[in-house]
N, C-alpha and C. Protein backbone atom coordinates (compact mmCIF):
# COMPACT_ATOMS: atom_id res chain seq x y z
N MET A 1 -13.27 184.23 112.57
CA MET A 1 -13.50 185.28 111.57
C MET A 1 -14.99 185.40 111.28
N ARG A 2 -15.50 186.64 111.31
CA ARG A 2 -16.91 186.85 111.05
C ARG A 2 -17.23 186.58 109.59
N THR A 3 -18.51 186.30 109.32
CA THR A 3 -18.93 185.97 107.96
C THR A 3 -18.61 187.10 106.99
N SER A 4 -18.86 188.36 107.41
CA SER A 4 -18.60 189.51 106.54
C SER A 4 -17.12 189.65 106.23
N GLU A 5 -16.26 189.38 107.24
CA GLU A 5 -14.82 189.48 107.03
C GLU A 5 -14.35 188.37 106.08
N LYS A 6 -14.93 187.17 106.26
CA LYS A 6 -14.57 186.06 105.40
C LYS A 6 -14.98 186.34 103.96
N ALA A 7 -16.16 186.92 103.79
CA ALA A 7 -16.65 187.24 102.45
C ALA A 7 -15.75 188.29 101.79
N SER A 8 -15.33 189.30 102.57
CA SER A 8 -14.44 190.34 102.04
C SER A 8 -13.10 189.76 101.63
N LEU A 9 -12.58 188.85 102.44
CA LEU A 9 -11.31 188.21 102.13
C LEU A 9 -11.40 187.40 100.85
N ILE A 10 -12.49 186.65 100.70
CA ILE A 10 -12.69 185.84 99.51
C ILE A 10 -12.79 186.74 98.26
N GLU A 11 -13.49 187.85 98.40
CA GLU A 11 -13.62 188.78 97.27
C GLU A 11 -12.26 189.37 96.89
N GLU A 12 -11.45 189.71 97.90
CA GLU A 12 -10.13 190.27 97.63
C GLU A 12 -9.24 189.24 96.95
N ILE A 13 -9.30 188.00 97.39
CA ILE A 13 -8.53 186.93 96.76
C ILE A 13 -8.96 186.75 95.31
N ARG A 14 -10.28 186.79 95.08
CA ARG A 14 -10.79 186.63 93.72
C ARG A 14 -10.35 187.79 92.82
N ARG A 15 -10.38 189.01 93.35
CA ARG A 15 -9.94 190.18 92.58
C ARG A 15 -8.46 190.04 92.21
N ARG A 16 -7.64 189.60 93.17
CA ARG A 16 -6.21 189.43 92.89
C ARG A 16 -5.99 188.35 91.84
N GLN A 17 -6.81 187.28 91.91
CA GLN A 17 -6.72 186.21 90.92
C GLN A 17 -7.00 186.74 89.52
N ILE A 18 -8.02 187.57 89.41
CA ILE A 18 -8.40 188.13 88.11
C ILE A 18 -7.32 189.07 87.59
N VAL A 19 -6.79 189.91 88.47
CA VAL A 19 -5.73 190.86 88.08
C VAL A 19 -4.50 190.09 87.62
N THR A 20 -4.12 189.05 88.35
CA THR A 20 -2.96 188.23 87.97
C THR A 20 -3.18 187.59 86.61
N SER A 21 -4.39 187.09 86.38
CA SER A 21 -4.71 186.49 85.09
C SER A 21 -4.63 187.52 83.97
N ALA A 22 -5.10 188.75 84.25
CA ALA A 22 -5.05 189.81 83.24
C ALA A 22 -3.60 190.14 82.89
N ILE A 23 -2.73 190.22 83.90
CA ILE A 23 -1.32 190.51 83.65
C ILE A 23 -0.71 189.41 82.78
N GLU A 24 -0.95 188.16 83.13
CA GLU A 24 -0.39 187.04 82.39
C GLU A 24 -0.94 186.97 80.96
N THR A 25 -2.23 187.28 80.81
CA THR A 25 -2.85 187.24 79.49
C THR A 25 -2.31 188.34 78.60
N ILE A 26 -2.18 189.54 79.14
CA ILE A 26 -1.64 190.67 78.37
C ILE A 26 -0.19 190.40 77.99
N ALA A 27 0.60 189.89 78.95
CA ALA A 27 2.01 189.59 78.68
C ALA A 27 2.15 188.52 77.61
N GLY A 28 1.22 187.56 77.59
CA GLY A 28 1.31 186.46 76.65
C GLY A 28 0.70 186.74 75.28
N SER A 29 -0.42 187.46 75.28
CA SER A 29 -1.17 187.64 74.03
C SER A 29 -1.20 189.08 73.53
N GLY A 30 -0.86 190.03 74.39
CA GLY A 30 -0.93 191.44 74.00
C GLY A 30 -2.20 192.09 74.52
N PHE A 31 -2.14 193.38 74.73
CA PHE A 31 -3.26 194.12 75.32
C PHE A 31 -4.52 194.02 74.46
N ASN A 32 -4.37 194.22 73.16
CA ASN A 32 -5.54 194.25 72.28
C ASN A 32 -6.22 192.89 72.16
N GLN A 33 -5.45 191.81 72.35
CA GLN A 33 -6.02 190.46 72.25
C GLN A 33 -6.53 189.94 73.60
N ALA A 34 -6.23 190.67 74.66
CA ALA A 34 -6.61 190.21 76.01
C ALA A 34 -8.05 190.60 76.32
N SER A 35 -8.98 189.85 75.79
CA SER A 35 -10.40 190.12 76.04
C SER A 35 -10.77 189.63 77.42
N LEU A 36 -11.90 190.11 77.92
CA LEU A 36 -12.38 189.65 79.22
C LEU A 36 -12.65 188.15 79.19
N THR A 37 -13.10 187.65 78.04
CA THR A 37 -13.36 186.22 77.90
C THR A 37 -12.08 185.42 78.07
N GLU A 38 -10.99 185.90 77.44
CA GLU A 38 -9.70 185.21 77.53
C GLU A 38 -9.13 185.30 78.94
N ILE A 39 -9.26 186.47 79.55
CA ILE A 39 -8.77 186.65 80.92
C ILE A 39 -9.52 185.73 81.87
N ALA A 40 -10.83 185.66 81.69
CA ALA A 40 -11.66 184.78 82.54
C ALA A 40 -11.27 183.32 82.35
N ARG A 41 -11.03 182.92 81.11
CA ARG A 41 -10.65 181.53 80.84
C ARG A 41 -9.33 181.19 81.53
N ASN A 42 -8.36 182.10 81.44
CA ASN A 42 -7.06 181.86 82.07
C ASN A 42 -7.15 181.86 83.59
N ALA A 43 -8.12 182.61 84.13
CA ALA A 43 -8.30 182.65 85.58
C ALA A 43 -9.11 181.48 86.09
N GLY A 44 -9.75 180.75 85.18
CA GLY A 44 -10.58 179.63 85.59
C GLY A 44 -11.91 180.06 86.17
N VAL A 45 -12.41 181.21 85.71
CA VAL A 45 -13.71 181.71 86.19
C VAL A 45 -14.55 182.08 84.97
N SER A 46 -15.80 182.40 85.22
CA SER A 46 -16.66 182.85 84.13
C SER A 46 -16.47 184.35 83.90
N LYS A 47 -16.85 184.80 82.72
CA LYS A 47 -16.77 186.22 82.42
C LYS A 47 -17.66 187.01 83.38
N GLY A 48 -18.75 186.39 83.81
CA GLY A 48 -19.65 187.05 84.75
C GLY A 48 -18.99 187.34 86.09
N VAL A 49 -18.06 186.48 86.50
CA VAL A 49 -17.34 186.71 87.76
C VAL A 49 -16.50 187.98 87.65
N ILE A 50 -15.86 188.19 86.50
CA ILE A 50 -15.10 189.42 86.30
C ILE A 50 -16.04 190.62 86.35
N GLY A 51 -17.22 190.47 85.73
CA GLY A 51 -18.20 191.55 85.73
C GLY A 51 -18.70 191.88 87.13
N TYR A 52 -18.69 190.90 88.01
CA TYR A 52 -19.12 191.13 89.40
C TYR A 52 -18.10 191.97 90.14
N HIS A 53 -16.82 191.77 89.85
CA HIS A 53 -15.75 192.44 90.59
C HIS A 53 -15.26 193.73 89.93
N PHE A 54 -15.43 193.82 88.61
CA PHE A 54 -14.94 195.00 87.88
C PHE A 54 -16.00 195.47 86.88
N GLU A 55 -16.13 196.79 86.78
CA GLU A 55 -17.10 197.36 85.85
C GLU A 55 -16.48 197.46 84.46
N GLY A 56 -16.19 196.33 83.86
CA GLY A 56 -15.66 196.30 82.51
C GLY A 56 -14.14 196.31 82.45
N LYS A 57 -13.63 196.27 81.23
CA LYS A 57 -12.19 196.16 81.00
C LYS A 57 -11.44 197.40 81.47
N ASP A 58 -12.05 198.59 81.32
CA ASP A 58 -11.38 199.82 81.74
C ASP A 58 -10.97 199.76 83.21
N GLU A 59 -11.90 199.38 84.06
CA GLU A 59 -11.61 199.34 85.49
C GLU A 59 -10.58 198.25 85.79
N LEU A 60 -10.69 197.12 85.12
CA LEU A 60 -9.74 196.03 85.34
C LEU A 60 -8.33 196.47 84.95
N ILE A 61 -8.19 197.13 83.82
CA ILE A 61 -6.87 197.56 83.37
C ILE A 61 -6.31 198.62 84.31
N GLN A 62 -7.15 199.50 84.80
CA GLN A 62 -6.68 200.49 85.79
C GLN A 62 -6.13 199.78 87.02
N GLN A 63 -6.81 198.73 87.45
CA GLN A 63 -6.35 197.98 88.62
C GLN A 63 -5.05 197.22 88.31
N VAL A 64 -4.94 196.72 87.10
CA VAL A 64 -3.71 196.04 86.69
C VAL A 64 -2.52 196.98 86.79
N VAL A 65 -2.65 198.18 86.22
CA VAL A 65 -1.55 199.15 86.24
C VAL A 65 -1.24 199.57 87.68
N THR A 66 -2.28 199.84 88.46
CA THR A 66 -2.09 200.21 89.86
C THR A 66 -1.33 199.11 90.61
N THR A 67 -1.71 197.86 90.37
CA THR A 67 -1.06 196.73 91.03
C THR A 67 0.40 196.60 90.60
N LEU A 68 0.65 196.71 89.31
CA LEU A 68 2.01 196.57 88.80
C LEU A 68 2.93 197.64 89.39
N LEU A 69 2.48 198.87 89.41
CA LEU A 69 3.31 199.95 89.94
C LEU A 69 3.46 199.85 91.45
N ARG A 70 2.38 199.48 92.15
CA ARG A 70 2.44 199.38 93.61
C ARG A 70 3.39 198.27 94.05
N GLU A 71 3.33 197.12 93.39
CA GLU A 71 4.20 196.01 93.77
C GLU A 71 5.67 196.38 93.60
N SER A 72 5.97 197.07 92.50
CA SER A 72 7.35 197.51 92.28
C SER A 72 7.77 198.52 93.34
N ASN A 73 6.90 199.49 93.61
CA ASN A 73 7.22 200.52 94.61
C ASN A 73 7.42 199.91 95.99
N ASP A 74 6.56 198.98 96.37
CA ASP A 74 6.66 198.35 97.69
C ASP A 74 7.98 197.57 97.83
N TYR A 75 8.35 196.86 96.77
CA TYR A 75 9.60 196.09 96.77
C TYR A 75 10.79 197.02 96.97
N ILE A 76 10.80 198.12 96.24
CA ILE A 76 11.91 199.07 96.32
C ILE A 76 11.95 199.75 97.69
N LYS A 77 10.81 200.21 98.17
CA LYS A 77 10.77 200.92 99.45
C LYS A 77 11.26 200.06 100.60
N GLU A 78 10.89 198.80 100.60
CA GLU A 78 11.30 197.91 101.68
C GLU A 78 12.82 197.84 101.77
N ARG A 79 13.49 197.81 100.64
CA ARG A 79 14.94 197.71 100.62
C ARG A 79 15.61 199.05 100.88
N VAL A 80 15.01 200.12 100.42
CA VAL A 80 15.57 201.45 100.66
C VAL A 80 15.52 201.80 102.15
N ARG A 81 14.45 201.41 102.81
CA ARG A 81 14.27 201.73 104.24
C ARG A 81 15.37 201.13 105.11
N ALA A 82 16.00 200.07 104.64
CA ALA A 82 17.05 199.42 105.43
C ALA A 82 18.37 200.19 105.41
N GLN A 83 18.45 201.25 104.59
CA GLN A 83 19.68 202.04 104.46
C GLN A 83 19.55 203.36 105.23
N GLU A 84 20.66 203.82 105.80
CA GLU A 84 20.64 205.07 106.55
C GLU A 84 21.10 206.25 105.70
N LYS A 85 22.20 206.10 104.99
CA LYS A 85 22.74 207.20 104.19
C LYS A 85 21.93 207.38 102.91
N ALA A 86 21.75 208.63 102.52
CA ALA A 86 20.99 208.91 101.30
C ALA A 86 21.67 208.31 100.07
N ALA A 87 23.00 208.34 100.04
CA ALA A 87 23.73 207.77 98.90
C ALA A 87 23.46 206.27 98.77
N ASP A 88 23.39 205.59 99.91
CA ASP A 88 23.08 204.15 99.89
C ASP A 88 21.62 203.92 99.49
N GLN A 89 20.74 204.80 99.93
CA GLN A 89 19.33 204.68 99.56
C GLN A 89 19.17 204.85 98.04
N LEU A 90 19.91 205.79 97.49
CA LEU A 90 19.83 206.02 96.04
C LEU A 90 20.36 204.81 95.28
N ARG A 91 21.47 204.27 95.74
CA ARG A 91 22.05 203.08 95.11
C ARG A 91 21.06 201.91 95.18
N VAL A 92 20.47 201.69 96.34
CA VAL A 92 19.55 200.57 96.52
C VAL A 92 18.28 200.78 95.72
N TYR A 93 17.83 202.03 95.59
CA TYR A 93 16.65 202.33 94.77
C TYR A 93 16.89 201.82 93.34
N ILE A 94 18.07 202.15 92.81
CA ILE A 94 18.40 201.73 91.44
C ILE A 94 18.54 200.22 91.35
N GLU A 95 19.30 199.64 92.28
CA GLU A 95 19.52 198.20 92.25
C GLU A 95 18.22 197.42 92.40
N ALA A 96 17.37 197.87 93.32
CA ALA A 96 16.10 197.17 93.56
C ALA A 96 15.16 197.32 92.37
N SER A 97 15.21 198.46 91.70
CA SER A 97 14.37 198.66 90.52
C SER A 97 14.66 197.59 89.47
N PHE A 98 15.94 197.37 89.21
CA PHE A 98 16.33 196.39 88.19
C PHE A 98 16.17 194.96 88.69
N ALA A 99 16.40 194.74 89.99
CA ALA A 99 16.21 193.40 90.55
C ALA A 99 14.75 192.97 90.43
N PHE A 100 13.83 193.88 90.72
CA PHE A 100 12.41 193.55 90.62
C PHE A 100 12.03 193.25 89.17
N MET A 101 12.60 194.00 88.24
CA MET A 101 12.34 193.72 86.83
C MET A 101 12.74 192.29 86.50
N GLY A 102 13.97 191.92 86.89
CA GLY A 102 14.48 190.60 86.56
C GLY A 102 13.65 189.47 87.13
N GLU A 103 13.04 189.73 88.28
CA GLU A 103 12.23 188.70 88.94
C GLU A 103 10.78 188.67 88.45
N ASN A 104 10.37 189.70 87.71
CA ASN A 104 8.95 189.81 87.34
C ASN A 104 8.80 190.30 85.90
N ARG A 105 9.42 189.60 84.97
CA ARG A 105 9.42 190.05 83.58
C ARG A 105 8.00 190.20 83.01
N ALA A 106 7.12 189.26 83.31
CA ALA A 106 5.76 189.34 82.76
C ALA A 106 5.07 190.63 83.16
N ASN A 107 5.34 191.11 84.38
CA ASN A 107 4.73 192.36 84.83
C ASN A 107 5.08 193.51 83.89
N PHE A 108 6.35 193.58 83.50
CA PHE A 108 6.81 194.71 82.70
C PHE A 108 6.47 194.55 81.23
N VAL A 109 6.40 193.32 80.77
CA VAL A 109 5.92 193.08 79.40
C VAL A 109 4.48 193.57 79.29
N ALA A 110 3.66 193.23 80.29
CA ALA A 110 2.26 193.68 80.29
C ALA A 110 2.18 195.19 80.41
N LEU A 111 2.99 195.78 81.29
CA LEU A 111 2.96 197.22 81.50
C LEU A 111 3.31 197.97 80.22
N VAL A 112 4.35 197.52 79.54
CA VAL A 112 4.78 198.18 78.30
C VAL A 112 3.72 198.02 77.21
N ASP A 113 3.07 196.86 77.17
CA ASP A 113 2.06 196.64 76.15
C ASP A 113 0.84 197.54 76.38
N ILE A 114 0.47 197.71 77.64
CA ILE A 114 -0.63 198.64 77.95
C ILE A 114 -0.20 200.06 77.62
N TRP A 115 1.01 200.41 77.98
CA TRP A 115 1.59 201.71 77.71
C TRP A 115 1.58 201.99 76.21
N GLY A 116 1.96 200.97 75.43
CA GLY A 116 2.01 201.13 73.99
C GLY A 116 0.64 201.19 73.34
N SER A 117 -0.40 200.85 74.08
CA SER A 117 -1.77 200.90 73.56
C SER A 117 -2.48 202.16 74.05
N PHE A 118 -1.71 203.24 74.19
CA PHE A 118 -2.24 204.46 74.82
C PHE A 118 -3.41 205.07 74.05
N GLY A 119 -3.60 204.63 72.81
CA GLY A 119 -4.72 205.15 72.04
C GLY A 119 -6.06 204.66 72.55
N SER A 120 -6.04 203.58 73.34
CA SER A 120 -7.29 203.05 73.86
C SER A 120 -7.73 203.82 75.11
N VAL A 121 -9.02 203.87 75.32
CA VAL A 121 -9.56 204.58 76.48
C VAL A 121 -9.07 203.93 77.77
N ALA A 122 -9.05 202.59 77.80
CA ALA A 122 -8.64 201.88 79.01
C ALA A 122 -7.21 202.22 79.38
N ALA A 123 -6.31 202.22 78.39
CA ALA A 123 -4.91 202.51 78.67
C ALA A 123 -4.72 203.96 79.11
N LYS A 124 -5.43 204.88 78.48
CA LYS A 124 -5.32 206.29 78.85
C LYS A 124 -5.75 206.51 80.29
N ARG A 125 -6.82 205.88 80.68
CA ARG A 125 -7.31 206.05 82.05
C ARG A 125 -6.38 205.39 83.06
N ALA A 126 -5.76 204.27 82.65
CA ALA A 126 -4.86 203.57 83.56
C ALA A 126 -3.60 204.38 83.82
N PHE A 127 -3.05 204.99 82.76
CA PHE A 127 -1.86 205.81 82.90
C PHE A 127 -2.28 207.28 83.01
N ASN A 128 -2.91 207.60 84.13
CA ASN A 128 -3.31 208.99 84.33
C ASN A 128 -2.12 209.81 84.78
N ALA A 129 -2.36 211.08 85.06
CA ALA A 129 -1.27 212.01 85.38
C ALA A 129 -0.51 211.64 86.64
N THR A 130 -1.10 210.85 87.51
CA THR A 130 -0.46 210.53 88.78
C THR A 130 0.17 209.14 88.82
N ALA A 131 0.19 208.43 87.70
CA ALA A 131 0.66 207.05 87.69
C ALA A 131 2.08 206.90 88.23
N TYR A 132 2.97 207.81 87.82
CA TYR A 132 4.37 207.71 88.23
C TYR A 132 4.74 208.67 89.35
N GLU A 133 3.75 209.36 89.88
CA GLU A 133 4.02 210.32 90.95
C GLU A 133 4.65 209.68 92.18
N PRO A 134 4.21 208.47 92.62
CA PRO A 134 4.85 207.87 93.80
C PRO A 134 6.35 207.62 93.61
N CYS A 135 6.77 207.23 92.40
CA CYS A 135 8.20 207.02 92.14
C CYS A 135 8.97 208.32 92.27
N ARG A 136 8.46 209.37 91.65
CA ARG A 136 9.15 210.66 91.71
C ARG A 136 9.18 211.20 93.14
N ARG A 137 8.09 211.00 93.86
CA ARG A 137 8.03 211.49 95.25
C ARG A 137 9.04 210.76 96.13
N HIS A 138 9.14 209.44 95.93
CA HIS A 138 10.09 208.64 96.71
C HIS A 138 11.52 209.09 96.41
N LEU A 139 11.85 209.21 95.13
CA LEU A 139 13.18 209.64 94.74
C LEU A 139 13.48 211.06 95.23
N SER A 140 12.51 211.94 95.11
CA SER A 140 12.70 213.32 95.57
C SER A 140 13.00 213.36 97.06
N GLY A 141 12.34 212.49 97.82
CA GLY A 141 12.58 212.44 99.26
C GLY A 141 14.01 212.02 99.57
N ILE A 142 14.52 211.02 98.83
CA ILE A 142 15.89 210.56 99.02
C ILE A 142 16.87 211.68 98.68
N LEU A 143 16.67 212.31 97.55
CA LEU A 143 17.58 213.36 97.09
C LEU A 143 17.56 214.57 98.01
N ARG A 144 16.37 214.97 98.43
CA ARG A 144 16.26 216.14 99.32
C ARG A 144 16.92 215.87 100.67
N ALA A 145 16.72 214.65 101.18
CA ALA A 145 17.35 214.29 102.45
C ALA A 145 18.87 214.30 102.31
N GLY A 146 19.36 213.85 101.17
CA GLY A 146 20.80 213.86 100.92
C GLY A 146 21.37 215.26 100.90
N GLN A 147 20.63 216.19 100.33
CA GLN A 147 21.06 217.58 100.33
C GLN A 147 21.06 218.16 101.74
N GLU A 148 20.03 217.86 102.49
CA GLU A 148 19.93 218.38 103.85
C GLU A 148 21.04 217.84 104.75
N LYS A 149 21.47 216.61 104.49
CA LYS A 149 22.55 216.00 105.28
C LYS A 149 23.94 216.39 104.77
N GLY A 150 23.98 217.09 103.66
CA GLY A 150 25.27 217.48 103.09
C GLY A 150 25.93 216.40 102.26
N GLU A 151 25.19 215.32 101.95
CA GLU A 151 25.75 214.25 101.13
C GLU A 151 25.72 214.59 99.65
N PHE A 152 24.73 215.37 99.24
CA PHE A 152 24.55 215.72 97.83
C PHE A 152 24.74 217.23 97.64
N ARG A 153 25.19 217.59 96.45
CA ARG A 153 25.31 219.00 96.09
C ARG A 153 23.93 219.60 95.87
N ASP A 154 23.89 220.89 95.65
CA ASP A 154 22.63 221.57 95.36
C ASP A 154 22.24 221.33 93.90
N PHE A 155 21.03 220.91 93.68
CA PHE A 155 20.50 220.71 92.32
C PHE A 155 18.98 220.69 92.43
N PRO A 156 18.27 220.88 91.31
CA PRO A 156 16.79 220.83 91.34
C PRO A 156 16.31 219.40 91.57
N VAL A 157 15.81 219.12 92.75
CA VAL A 157 15.47 217.76 93.18
C VAL A 157 14.48 217.09 92.25
N GLU A 158 13.38 217.78 91.96
CA GLU A 158 12.33 217.15 91.14
C GLU A 158 12.83 216.82 89.74
N THR A 159 13.69 217.69 89.20
CA THR A 159 14.23 217.46 87.86
C THR A 159 15.12 216.22 87.84
N VAL A 160 16.02 216.12 88.82
CA VAL A 160 16.92 214.96 88.87
C VAL A 160 16.14 213.68 89.14
N ALA A 161 15.12 213.74 89.99
CA ALA A 161 14.28 212.57 90.25
C ALA A 161 13.60 212.09 88.97
N THR A 162 13.10 213.04 88.18
CA THR A 162 12.46 212.70 86.91
C THR A 162 13.46 212.07 85.95
N MET A 163 14.67 212.63 85.90
CA MET A 163 15.70 212.10 85.01
C MET A 163 16.12 210.69 85.41
N LEU A 164 16.27 210.46 86.71
CA LEU A 164 16.70 209.14 87.17
C LEU A 164 15.62 208.09 86.88
N GLN A 165 14.37 208.42 87.17
CA GLN A 165 13.29 207.47 86.89
C GLN A 165 13.16 207.23 85.39
N GLY A 166 13.41 208.28 84.62
CA GLY A 166 13.38 208.13 83.16
C GLY A 166 14.46 207.19 82.66
N ALA A 167 15.64 207.25 83.29
CA ALA A 167 16.73 206.35 82.91
C ALA A 167 16.38 204.90 83.25
N VAL A 168 15.81 204.69 84.42
CA VAL A 168 15.39 203.34 84.82
C VAL A 168 14.34 202.81 83.84
N ASP A 169 13.35 203.63 83.54
CA ASP A 169 12.28 203.20 82.64
C ASP A 169 12.80 202.96 81.22
N GLY A 170 13.79 203.77 80.80
CA GLY A 170 14.36 203.60 79.47
C GLY A 170 15.06 202.27 79.32
N VAL A 171 15.82 201.87 80.34
CA VAL A 171 16.47 200.56 80.32
C VAL A 171 15.42 199.45 80.32
N MET A 172 14.41 199.63 81.16
CA MET A 172 13.33 198.63 81.23
C MET A 172 12.68 198.43 79.87
N LEU A 173 12.42 199.51 79.17
CA LEU A 173 11.76 199.43 77.87
C LEU A 173 12.61 198.63 76.88
N GLN A 174 13.91 198.91 76.84
CA GLN A 174 14.80 198.17 75.93
C GLN A 174 14.87 196.70 76.31
N TRP A 175 14.90 196.43 77.62
CA TRP A 175 14.98 195.05 78.11
C TRP A 175 13.73 194.25 77.76
N VAL A 176 12.58 194.89 77.83
CA VAL A 176 11.32 194.21 77.47
C VAL A 176 11.35 193.82 75.99
N PHE A 177 11.87 194.69 75.14
CA PHE A 177 11.89 194.41 73.71
C PHE A 177 12.98 193.41 73.32
N ASP A 178 14.11 193.42 74.06
CA ASP A 178 15.21 192.53 73.70
C ASP A 178 15.95 192.14 74.98
N GLU A 179 15.46 191.11 75.65
CA GLU A 179 15.98 190.71 76.95
C GLU A 179 17.46 190.38 76.91
N ARG A 180 17.91 189.72 75.85
CA ARG A 180 19.29 189.27 75.78
C ARG A 180 20.28 190.41 75.55
N ALA A 181 19.79 191.53 75.06
CA ALA A 181 20.68 192.66 74.75
C ALA A 181 20.97 193.55 75.96
N VAL A 182 20.24 193.34 77.05
CA VAL A 182 20.36 194.24 78.21
C VAL A 182 20.75 193.46 79.45
N ASP A 183 21.87 193.86 80.05
CA ASP A 183 22.35 193.27 81.31
C ASP A 183 21.86 194.18 82.44
N LEU A 184 20.81 193.76 83.13
CA LEU A 184 20.20 194.63 84.15
C LEU A 184 21.17 194.95 85.29
N ALA A 185 21.95 193.97 85.72
CA ALA A 185 22.89 194.21 86.82
C ALA A 185 23.95 195.23 86.41
N ALA A 186 24.46 195.10 85.19
CA ALA A 186 25.47 196.04 84.70
C ALA A 186 24.88 197.44 84.56
N CYS A 187 23.65 197.50 84.10
CA CYS A 187 22.98 198.81 83.97
C CYS A 187 22.79 199.45 85.35
N ALA A 188 22.45 198.64 86.34
CA ALA A 188 22.28 199.17 87.70
C ALA A 188 23.59 199.74 88.21
N ALA A 189 24.68 199.03 87.99
CA ALA A 189 25.99 199.49 88.46
C ALA A 189 26.40 200.79 87.77
N GLU A 190 26.23 200.86 86.46
CA GLU A 190 26.65 202.05 85.72
C GLU A 190 25.75 203.25 86.02
N LEU A 191 24.45 203.00 86.17
CA LEU A 191 23.54 204.09 86.48
C LEU A 191 23.82 204.65 87.88
N THR A 192 24.15 203.76 88.81
CA THR A 192 24.50 204.19 90.16
C THR A 192 25.75 205.07 90.11
N ALA A 193 26.78 204.62 89.39
CA ALA A 193 28.02 205.39 89.28
C ALA A 193 27.75 206.75 88.64
N MET A 194 26.90 206.76 87.63
CA MET A 194 26.58 208.00 86.93
C MET A 194 25.93 209.02 87.87
N PHE A 195 24.94 208.56 88.64
CA PHE A 195 24.25 209.49 89.54
C PHE A 195 25.05 209.79 90.81
N ASP A 196 25.97 208.91 91.16
CA ASP A 196 26.90 209.24 92.25
C ASP A 196 27.73 210.47 91.85
N ARG A 197 28.23 210.46 90.63
CA ARG A 197 29.03 211.59 90.14
C ARG A 197 28.17 212.83 89.99
N ALA A 198 26.95 212.65 89.51
CA ALA A 198 26.07 213.80 89.26
C ALA A 198 25.60 214.49 90.54
N THR A 199 25.49 213.73 91.64
CA THR A 199 24.96 214.31 92.88
C THR A 199 26.05 214.65 93.89
N ALA A 200 27.29 214.25 93.62
CA ALA A 200 28.37 214.42 94.59
C ALA A 200 28.65 215.89 94.89
N VAL A 201 29.00 216.14 96.15
CA VAL A 201 29.40 217.47 96.57
C VAL A 201 30.77 217.78 95.96
N GLU A 202 30.90 218.94 95.36
CA GLU A 202 32.18 219.30 94.73
C GLU A 202 33.22 219.56 95.80
N PRO A 203 34.46 219.05 95.60
CA PRO A 203 35.52 219.24 96.58
C PRO A 203 35.98 220.70 96.67
């Protein structure tokens, strides 16, 4: 490995370390209490190291949100790709969404806390207009393909995609606030059944 490639790899590892520390710090202490000093302490680095990799808290928080959403999307896409029928892809999209939540609670606690701090400049910039666009685009692709194959009835694809993602996010929000009150597996099963009925071709 060339020196430049090794240096780039080390920098990427360090950036991931800082982002992971930021997620854990926000999940544990809250967005407003997660100062760069605290994030650096939890990461085992100096505040100056964070300053070398990120231009302040705004950029770091934007990267945190990007990372949280990308990891969830990648997890879901990998499982959806293994299915051929659109109905199975839709089912797996829902199941994988909740499975990833259950395996990564700190991610969603941090995400909701940043979301709830929307009055801050950092949070506003992190949740820009395109933050959830990849989710809607992925769902729209599944739904449109289902219509083209004759598996789904005719309906406004983008609207249903927005509604389905909204339902997933709504369950996630309740689960973050009260983990014991929400059965993610049961929610996945019921949401799947609900959208199976909603998208089914009429006999």
